[in-house]
Amino acid sequence: MTNVMKAALMVILTAGAVAVAGAGMATAQEARIITTMGTGTVEAPPDMATIRLGVTNQASEASAAMAATSEAASAVLDRLEAAGVAPRDVQTDQLSVQPLWSDYSAETRRITGFVASNVLTVRVRDLDQLGTLLDLVMQDGANTFNGLSFGLQEHKPAQDAARAAAVRDALDRAAQLADAAGVTLGPVQTISEQAGVARPMMMEMAAARSADVPVAPGELTVTAQVSVVFAIAD
């Protein structure tokens, strides 16, 4: 290799080393950040409830089981309409007819009857009438109850408040970390959010009585979480 070629190669290697060193310094500077997670929670009283109830009947013939179920389900739907529950808040969730078997022996197994079910999902927007409504629909023939959950008709105000609280929490955490490390907290670089959740209260069928069903709505907890990346100013 000639002296000229060696000199040219040295220039190339030196330039490459400088480029790598520059990239390393840029990476180090980019790494001067503080990342925190912030959580915000808001307690809010529910203003609606969702119930899942239905009618189940058994008979020797499938048509008889479905006829009895349909009659009772119609009475429940009429009761809901009379109570002011809007059609958009009532939905058939499940409609089925299933055979009943004598036993599980493959040799002697036979159909002894049929069971028909009609299950409804109902949103109740007037919580003051919830207990009375539950009692009335059971009197009209609803004999299955798969629980009750409370919710908010409009989530945005509570979610916005929880989100703002989460950002404040992230700022507070970052300030503490910067102070403990002896550095100055710089501006926000990125903010990302995880979906917030509302944890509903649940109610079981055992709470039902011959009088109005007792219902305690309690409060919902709406939660928001954010991840915030801050620059380190010095």
C-alpha atoms as a PDB file:
ATOM      1  CA  MET A   1       0.000   0.000   0.000  1.00  0.00           C
ATOM      2  CA  THR A   2       1.433   3.379  -0.986  1.00  0.00           C
ATOM      3  CA  ASN A   3       1.868   6.271   1.443  1.00  0.00           C
ATOM      4  CA  VAL A   4      -0.907   8.175  -0.374  1.00  0.00           C
ATOM      5  CA  MET A   5      -3.355   5.293   0.027  1.00  0.00           C
ATOM      6  CA  LYS A   6      -2.423   4.926   3.722  1.00  0.00           C
ATOM      7  CA  ALA A   7      -3.009   8.631   4.307  1.00  0.00           C
ATOM      8  CA  ALA A   8      -6.395   8.500   2.575  1.00  0.00           C
ATOM      9  CA  LEU A   9      -7.394   5.465   4.672  1.00  0.00           C
ATOM     10  CA  MET A  10      -6.402   7.244   7.880  1.00  0.00           C
ATOM     11  CA  VAL A  11      -8.565  10.232   6.915  1.00  0.00           C
ATOM     12  CA  ILE A  12     -11.564   7.956   6.319  1.00  0.00           C
ATOM     13  CA  LEU A  13     -11.079   6.108   9.630  1.00  0.00           C
ATOM     14  CA  THR A  14     -10.669   9.387  11.532  1.00  0.00           C
ATOM     15  CA  ALA A  15     -13.822  10.811   9.978  1.00  0.00           C
ATOM     16  CA  GLY A  16     -15.713   7.644  10.884  1.00  0.00           C
ATOM     17  CA  ALA A  17     -14.512   7.782  14.487  1.00  0.00           C
ATOM     18  CA  VAL A  18     -15.582  11.399  14.762  1.00  0.00           C
ATOM     19  CA  ALA A  19     -19.020  10.516  13.362  1.00  0.00           C
ATOM     20  CA  VAL A  20     -19.430   7.630  15.827  1.00  0.00           C
ATOM     21  CA  ALA A  21     -18.313   9.803  18.725  1.00  0.00           C
ATOM     22  CA  GLY A  22     -20.760  12.507  17.649  1.00  0.00           C
ATOM     23  CA  ALA A  23     -23.581   9.990  17.497  1.00  0.00           C
ATOM     24  CA  GLY A  24     -22.652   8.745  20.963  1.00  0.00           C
ATOM     25  CA  MET A  25     -22.701  12.263  22.364  1.00  0.00           C
ATOM     26  CA  ALA A  26     -26.107  12.913  20.749  1.00  0.00           C
ATOM     27  CA  THR A  27     -27.447   9.686  22.245  1.00  0.00           C
ATOM     28  CA  ALA A  28     -26.127  10.654  25.653  1.00  0.00           C
ATOM     29  CA  GLN A  29     -27.736  14.064  25.372  1.00  0.00           C
ATOM     30  CA  GLU A  30     -31.037  12.518  24.279  1.00  0.00           C
ATOM     31  CA  ALA A  31     -30.889  10.210  27.281  1.00  0.00           C
ATOM     32  CA  ARG A  32     -30.930  13.179  29.684  1.00  0.00           C
ATOM     33  CA  ILE A  33     -34.575  12.750  30.495  1.00  0.00           C
ATOM     34  CA  ILE A  34     -36.841  11.952  33.395  1.00  0.00           C
ATOM     35  CA  THR A  35     -39.832   9.674  32.767  1.00  0.00           C
ATOM     36  CA  THR A  36     -42.671   9.419  35.270  1.00  0.00           C
ATOM     37  CA  MET A  37     -46.064   7.729  35.494  1.00  0.00           C
ATOM     38  CA  GLY A  38     -48.949   9.750  36.898  1.00  0.00           C
ATOM     39  CA  THR A  39     -52.267   8.416  38.201  1.00  0.00           C
ATOM     40  CA  GLY A  40     -55.427  10.409  38.788  1.00  0.00           C
ATOM     41  CA  THR A  41     -58.672   9.171  40.341  1.00  0.00           C
ATOM     42  CA  VAL A  42     -62.071  10.803  40.677  1.00  0.00           C
ATOM     43  CA  GLU A  43     -65.007   9.523  42.696  1.00  0.00           C
ATOM     44  CA  ALA A  44     -68.372  10.110  41.009  1.00  0.00           C
ATOM     45  CA  PRO A  45     -71.912   9.071  41.960  1.00  0.00           C
ATOM     46  CA  PRO A  46     -73.506   6.899  39.262  1.00  0.00           C
ATOM     47  CA  ASP A  47     -76.529   8.193  37.385  1.00  0.00           C
ATOM     48  CA  MET A  48     -77.573   5.013  35.574  1.00  0.00           C
ATOM     49  CA  ALA A  49     -77.706   1.266  36.082  1.00  0.00           C
ATOM     50  CA  THR A  50     -77.594  -1.696  33.724  1.00  0.00           C
ATOM     51  CA  ILE A  51     -79.465  -4.829  34.723  1.00  0.00           C
ATOM     52  CA  ARG A  52     -79.568  -8.226  33.065  1.00  0.00           C
ATOM     53  CA  LEU A  53     -82.735 -10.148  33.782  1.00  0.00           C
ATOM     54  CA  GLY A  54     -84.946 -12.644  32.035  1.00  0.00           C
ATOM     55  CA  VAL A  55     -87.591 -15.322  32.021  1.00  0.00           C
ATOM     56  CA  THR A  56     -87.019 -19.080  32.000  1.00  0.00           C
ATOM     57  CA  ASN A  57     -89.720 -21.750  31.782  1.00  0.00           C
ATOM     58  CA  GLN A  58     -89.697 -25.515  31.475  1.00  0.00           C
ATOM     59  CA  ALA A  59     -92.242 -27.745  29.725  1.00  0.00           C
ATOM     60  CA  SER A  60     -92.507 -31.159  28.107  1.00  0.00           C
ATOM     61  CA  GLU A  61     -92.721 -29.581  24.647  1.00  0.00           C
ATOM     62  CA  ALA A  62     -90.409 -26.913  23.244  1.00  0.00           C
ATOM     63  CA  SER A  63     -93.326 -24.852  21.935  1.00  0.00           C
ATOM     64  CA  ALA A  64     -95.005 -24.831  25.347  1.00  0.00           C
ATOM     65  CA  ALA A  65     -91.801 -23.750  27.080  1.00  0.00           C
ATOM     66  CA  MET A  66     -91.281 -20.928  24.594  1.00  0.00           C
ATOM     67  CA  ALA A  67     -94.927 -19.842  24.751  1.00  0.00           C
ATOM     68  CA  ALA A  68     -94.812 -19.520  28.536  1.00  0.00           C
ATOM     69  CA  THR A  69     -91.516 -17.667  28.371  1.00  0.00           C
ATOM     70  CA  SER A  70     -92.726 -15.333  25.639  1.00  0.00           C
ATOM     71  CA  GLU A  71     -95.877 -14.476  27.580  1.00  0.00           C
ATOM     72  CA  ALA A  72     -93.935 -13.586  30.706  1.00  0.00           C
ATOM     73  CA  ALA A  73     -91.287 -11.687  28.710  1.00  0.00           C
ATOM     74  CA  SER A  74     -94.028  -9.623  27.041  1.00  0.00           C
ATOM     75  CA  ALA A  75     -95.394  -8.729  30.474  1.00  0.00           C
ATOM     76  CA  VAL A  76     -91.915  -7.661  31.613  1.00  0.00           C
ATOM     77  CA  LEU A  77     -91.454  -5.520  28.488  1.00  0.00           C
ATOM     78  CA  ASP A  78     -94.852  -3.889  29.037  1.00  0.00           C
ATOM     79  CA  ARG A  79     -93.912  -3.137  32.637  1.00  0.00           C
ATOM     80  CA  LEU A  80     -90.620  -1.557  31.577  1.00  0.00           C
ATOM     81  CA  GLU A  81     -92.398   0.618  29.005  1.00  0.00           C
ATOM     82  CA  ALA A  82     -95.040   1.676  31.533  1.00  0.00           C
ATOM     83  CA  ALA A  83     -92.265   2.633  33.955  1.00  0.00           C
ATOM     84  CA  GLY A  84     -90.810   5.005  31.382  1.00  0.00           C
ATOM     85  CA  VAL A  85     -87.845   2.932  30.218  1.00  0.00           C
ATOM     86  CA  ALA A  86     -87.153   3.968  26.619  1.00  0.00           C
ATOM     87  CA  PRO A  87     -87.112   1.276  23.878  1.00  0.00           C
ATOM     88  CA  ARG A  88     -83.469   2.145  23.098  1.00  0.00           C
ATOM     89  CA  ASP A  89     -82.567   1.086  26.639  1.00  0.00           C
ATOM     90  CA  VAL A  90     -83.999  -2.441  26.334  1.00  0.00           C
ATOM     91  CA  GLN A  91     -82.284  -5.145  24.295  1.00  0.00           C
ATOM     92  CA  THR A  92     -82.829  -8.873  23.952  1.00  0.00           C
ATOM     93  CA  ASP A  93     -79.539 -10.349  25.031  1.00  0.00           C
ATOM     94  CA  GLN A  94     -80.305 -14.043  24.676  1.00  0.00           C
ATOM     95  CA  LEU A  95     -83.181 -16.150  23.325  1.00  0.00           C
ATOM     96  CA  SER A  96     -82.855 -19.915  23.508  1.00  0.00           C
ATOM     97  CA  VAL A  97     -84.597 -23.290  23.771  1.00  0.00           C
ATOM     98  CA  GLN A  98     -82.609 -26.191  25.146  1.00  0.00           C
ATOM     99  CA  PRO A  99     -83.534 -29.858  25.673  1.00  0.00           C
ATOM    100  CA  LEU A 100     -83.504 -31.413  29.120  1.00  0.00           C
ATOM    101  CA  TRP A 101     -81.923 -34.856  29.280  1.00  0.00           C
ATOM    102  CA  SER A 102     -82.735 -37.699  31.649  1.00  0.00           C
ATOM    103  CA  ASP A 103     -79.086 -38.470  32.420  1.00  0.00           C
ATOM    104  CA  TYR A 104     -75.658 -38.516  30.830  1.00  0.00           C
ATOM    105  CA  SER A 105     -75.516 -42.177  29.906  1.00  0.00           C
ATOM    106  CA  ALA A 106     -75.077 -42.577  26.159  1.00  0.00           C
ATOM    107  CA  GLU A 107     -77.184 -45.738  26.108  1.00  0.00           C
ATOM    108  CA  THR A 108     -80.208 -44.537  28.081  1.00  0.00           C
ATOM    109  CA  ARG A 109     -80.086 -40.808  27.491  1.00  0.00           C
ATOM    110  CA  ARG A 110     -83.366 -39.284  26.354  1.00  0.00           C
ATOM    111  CA  ILE A 111     -85.054 -35.879  26.214  1.00  0.00           C
ATOM    112  CA  THR A 112     -87.454 -35.354  29.097  1.00  0.00           C
ATOM    113  CA  GLY A 113     -88.452 -31.759  28.387  1.00  0.00           C
ATOM    114  CA  PHE A 114     -87.345 -28.348  27.221  1.00  0.00           C
ATOM    115  CA  VAL A 115     -86.311 -25.103  28.843  1.00  0.00           C
ATOM    116  CA  ALA A 116     -86.799 -21.757  27.098  1.00  0.00           C
ATOM    117  CA  SER A 117     -85.085 -18.517  28.115  1.00  0.00           C
ATOM    118  CA  ASN A 118     -85.440 -14.890  27.140  1.00  0.00           C
ATOM    119  CA  VAL A 119     -82.792 -12.611  28.681  1.00  0.00           C
ATOM    120  CA  LEU A 120     -82.941  -8.808  28.522  1.00  0.00           C
ATOM    121  CA  THR A 121     -80.325  -6.142  29.121  1.00  0.00           C
ATOM    122  CA  VAL A 122     -81.957  -2.990  30.477  1.00  0.00           C
ATOM    123  CA  ARG A 123     -80.493   0.440  31.165  1.00  0.00           C
ATOM    124  CA  VAL A 124     -82.249   2.346  33.934  1.00  0.00           C
ATOM    125  CA  ARG A 125     -81.538   6.076  33.863  1.00  0.00           C
ATOM    126  CA  ASP A 126     -83.689   6.986  36.867  1.00  0.00           C
ATOM    127  CA  LEU A 127     -81.976   5.383  39.858  1.00  0.00           C
ATOM    128  CA  ASP A 128     -84.747   6.519  42.202  1.00  0.00           C
ATOM    129  CA  GLN A 129     -87.091   3.977  40.623  1.00  0.00           C
ATOM    130  CA  LEU A 130     -84.570   1.150  40.293  1.00  0.00           C
ATOM    131  CA  GLY A 131     -85.588  -0.809  43.397  1.00  0.00           C
ATOM    132  CA  THR A 132     -89.288  -0.536  42.600  1.00  0.00           C
ATOM    133  CA  LEU A 133     -88.722  -1.505  38.979  1.00  0.00           C
ATOM    134  CA  LEU A 134     -86.775  -4.635  39.931  1.00  0.00           C
ATOM    135  CA  ASP A 135     -89.551  -5.725  42.263  1.00  0.00           C
ATOM    136  CA  LEU A 136     -92.272  -5.119  39.665  1.00  0.00           C
ATOM    137  CA  VAL A 137     -90.616  -7.016  36.809  1.00  0.00           C
ATOM    138  CA  MET A 138     -90.079 -10.012  39.093  1.00  0.00           C
ATOM    139  CA  GLN A 139     -93.756  -9.926  39.992  1.00  0.00           C
ATOM    140  CA  ASP A 140     -94.547  -9.898  36.260  1.00  0.00           C
ATOM    141  CA  GLY A 141     -92.544 -13.057  35.600  1.00  0.00           C
ATOM    142  CA  ALA A 142     -88.833 -12.265  35.508  1.00  0.00           C
ATOM    143  CA  ASN A 143     -87.256 -15.205  37.341  1.00  0.00           C
ATOM    144  CA  THR A 144     -83.593 -14.925  36.379  1.00  0.00           C
ATOM    145  CA  PHE A 145     -81.339 -12.086  37.422  1.00  0.00           C
ATOM    146  CA  ASN A 146     -77.703 -11.959  36.343  1.00  0.00           C
ATOM    147  CA  GLY A 147     -76.553  -8.891  38.204  1.00  0.00           C
ATOM    148  CA  LEU A 148     -76.551  -5.135  38.171  1.00  0.00           C
ATOM    149  CA  SER A 149     -73.829  -2.617  37.398  1.00  0.00           C
ATOM    150  CA  PHE A 150     -73.802   1.127  37.912  1.00  0.00           C
ATOM    151  CA  GLY A 151     -72.368   3.598  35.443  1.00  0.00           C
ATOM    152  CA  LEU A 152     -72.244   7.142  34.151  1.00  0.00           C
ATOM    153  CA  GLN A 153     -74.333   8.380  31.255  1.00  0.00           C
ATOM    154  CA  GLU A 154     -71.640  10.933  30.434  1.00  0.00           C
ATOM    155  CA  HIS A 155     -68.089   9.843  31.245  1.00  0.00           C
ATOM    156  CA  LYS A 156     -66.236  12.874  29.904  1.00  0.00           C
ATOM    157  CA  PRO A 157     -66.370  15.289  32.908  1.00  0.00           C
ATOM    158  CA  ALA A 158     -65.098  12.652  35.350  1.00  0.00           C
ATOM    159  CA  GLN A 159     -62.543  11.339  32.859  1.00  0.00           C
ATOM    160  CA  ASP A 160     -61.239  14.839  32.139  1.00  0.00           C
ATOM    161  CA  ALA A 161     -60.829  15.521  35.854  1.00  0.00           C
ATOM    162  CA  ALA A 162     -59.009  12.209  36.367  1.00  0.00           C
ATOM    163  CA  ARG A 163     -56.737  12.915  33.395  1.00  0.00           C
ATOM    164  CA  ALA A 164     -55.803  16.369  34.722  1.00  0.00           C
ATOM    165  CA  ALA A 165     -55.065  14.859  38.132  1.00  0.00           C
ATOM    166  CA  ALA A 166     -52.830  12.239  36.498  1.00  0.00           C
ATOM    167  CA  VAL A 167     -50.772  14.910  34.732  1.00  0.00           C
ATOM    168  CA  ARG A 168     -50.377  16.847  37.985  1.00  0.00           C
ATOM    169  CA  ASP A 169     -49.236  13.667  39.692  1.00  0.00           C
ATOM    170  CA  ALA A 170     -46.650  13.022  36.969  1.00  0.00           C
ATOM    171  CA  LEU A 171     -45.346  16.607  37.285  1.00  0.00           C
ATOM    172  CA  ASP A 172     -45.050  16.269  41.052  1.00  0.00           C
ATOM    173  CA  ARG A 173     -43.170  12.979  40.771  1.00  0.00           C
ATOM    174  CA  ALA A 174     -40.780  14.418  38.175  1.00  0.00           C
ATOM    175  CA  ALA A 175     -40.076  17.470  40.340  1.00  0.00           C
ATOM    176  CA  GLN A 176     -39.238  15.223  43.298  1.00  0.00           C
ATOM    177  CA  LEU A 177     -36.910  13.087  41.196  1.00  0.00           C
ATOM    178  CA  ALA A 178     -35.132  16.122  39.742  1.00  0.00           C
ATOM    179  CA  ASP A 179     -34.689  17.656  43.192  1.00  0.00           C
ATOM    180  CA  ALA A 180     -33.341  14.402  44.618  1.00  0.00           C
ATOM    181  CA  ALA A 181     -30.888  14.084  41.708  1.00  0.00           C
ATOM    182  CA  GLY A 182     -29.759  17.698  41.972  1.00  0.00           C
ATOM    183  CA  VAL A 183     -30.778  18.589  38.413  1.00  0.00           C
ATOM    184  CA  THR A 184     -33.180  21.109  36.930  1.00  0.00           C
ATOM    185  CA  LEU A 185     -36.369  19.785  35.418  1.00  0.00           C
ATOM    186  CA  GLY A 186     -36.791  20.825  31.794  1.00  0.00           C
ATOM    187  CA  PRO A 187     -39.851  21.031  29.542  1.00  0.00           C
ATOM    188  CA  VAL A 188     -42.204  18.164  28.736  1.00  0.00           C
ATOM    189  CA  GLN A 189     -41.046  16.105  25.760  1.00  0.00           C
ATOM    190  CA  THR A 190     -43.867  13.583  25.354  1.00  0.00           C
ATOM    191  CA  ILE A 191     -47.117  12.606  27.090  1.00  0.00           C
ATOM    192  CA  SER A 192     -48.911   9.308  26.519  1.00  0.00           C
ATOM    193  CA  GLU A 193     -52.116   8.097  28.123  1.00  0.00           C
ATOM    194  CA  GLN A 194     -53.518   4.724  29.086  1.00  0.00           C
ATOM    195  CA  ALA A 195     -57.256   4.158  28.963  1.00  0.00           C
ATOM    196  CA  GLY A 196     -59.082   5.067  32.161  1.00  0.00           C
ATOM    197  CA  VAL A 197     -61.581   2.751  33.802  1.00  0.00           C
ATOM    198  CA  ALA A 198     -64.681   3.077  35.939  1.00  0.00           C
ATOM    199  CA  ARG A 199     -65.111   0.336  38.506  1.00  0.00           C
ATOM    200  CA  PRO A 200     -68.839  -0.377  38.939  1.00  0.00           C
ATOM    201  CA  MET A 201     -70.566  -1.680  42.032  1.00  0.00           C
ATOM    202  CA  MET A 202     -72.191  -5.124  41.637  1.00  0.00           C
ATOM    203  CA  MET A 203     -75.388  -6.516  43.120  1.00  0.00           C
ATOM    204  CA  GLU A 204     -76.555 -10.114  43.412  1.00  0.00           C
ATOM    205  CA  MET A 205     -80.047 -11.602  43.209  1.00  0.00           C
ATOM    206  CA  ALA A 206     -79.920 -12.465  46.914  1.00  0.00           C
ATOM    207  CA  ALA A 207     -80.701  -8.825  47.693  1.00  0.00           C
ATOM    208  CA  ALA A 208     -84.241  -9.182  46.311  1.00  0.00           C
ATOM    209  CA  ARG A 209     -87.175  -9.178  48.744  1.00  0.00           C
ATOM    210  CA  SER A 210     -90.948  -9.123  48.442  1.00  0.00           C
ATOM    211  CA  ALA A 211     -90.891  -5.353  48.946  1.00  0.00           C
ATOM    212  CA  ASP A 212     -88.874  -2.954  46.808  1.00  0.00           C
ATOM    213  CA  VAL A 213     -85.417  -4.345  46.140  1.00  0.00           C
ATOM    214  CA  PRO A 214     -82.869  -2.440  48.280  1.00  0.00           C
ATOM    215  CA  VAL A 215     -80.187  -0.860  46.111  1.00  0.00           C
ATOM    216  CA  ALA A 216     -77.090   1.043  47.261  1.00  0.00           C
ATOM    217  CA  PRO A 217     -75.451   2.793  44.269  1.00  0.00           C
ATOM    218  CA  GLY A 218     -72.363   4.018  46.116  1.00  0.00           C
ATOM    219  CA  GLU A 219     -69.733   5.731  43.966  1.00  0.00           C
ATOM    220  CA  LEU A 220     -67.714   4.931  40.883  1.00  0.00           C
ATOM    221  CA  THR A 221     -63.946   5.393  40.727  1.00  0.00           C
ATOM    222  CA  VAL A 222     -62.763   6.813  37.403  1.00  0.00           C
ATOM    223  CA  THR A 223     -59.014   6.401  36.868  1.00  0.00           C
ATOM    224  CA  ALA A 224     -56.579   7.861  34.347  1.00  0.00           C
ATOM    225  CA  GLN A 225     -52.880   7.121  33.864  1.00  0.00           C
ATOM    226  CA  VAL A 226     -50.296   9.067  31.894  1.00  0.00           C
ATOM    227  CA  SER A 227     -46.610   8.639  31.104  1.00  0.00           C
ATOM    228  CA  VAL A 228     -44.695  11.938  30.827  1.00  0.00           C
ATOM    229  CA  VAL A 229     -41.119  12.399  29.601  1.00  0.00           C
ATOM    230  CA  PHE A 230     -39.276  15.551  30.761  1.00  0.00           C
ATOM    231  CA  ALA A 231     -35.967  16.946  29.583  1.00  0.00           C
ATOM    232  CA  ILE A 232     -33.220  17.640  32.102  1.00  0.00           C
ATOM    233  CA  ALA A 233     -32.360  21.319  31.744  1.00  0.00           C
ATOM    234  CA  ASP A 234     -28.760  21.147  33.015  1.00  0.00           C
END
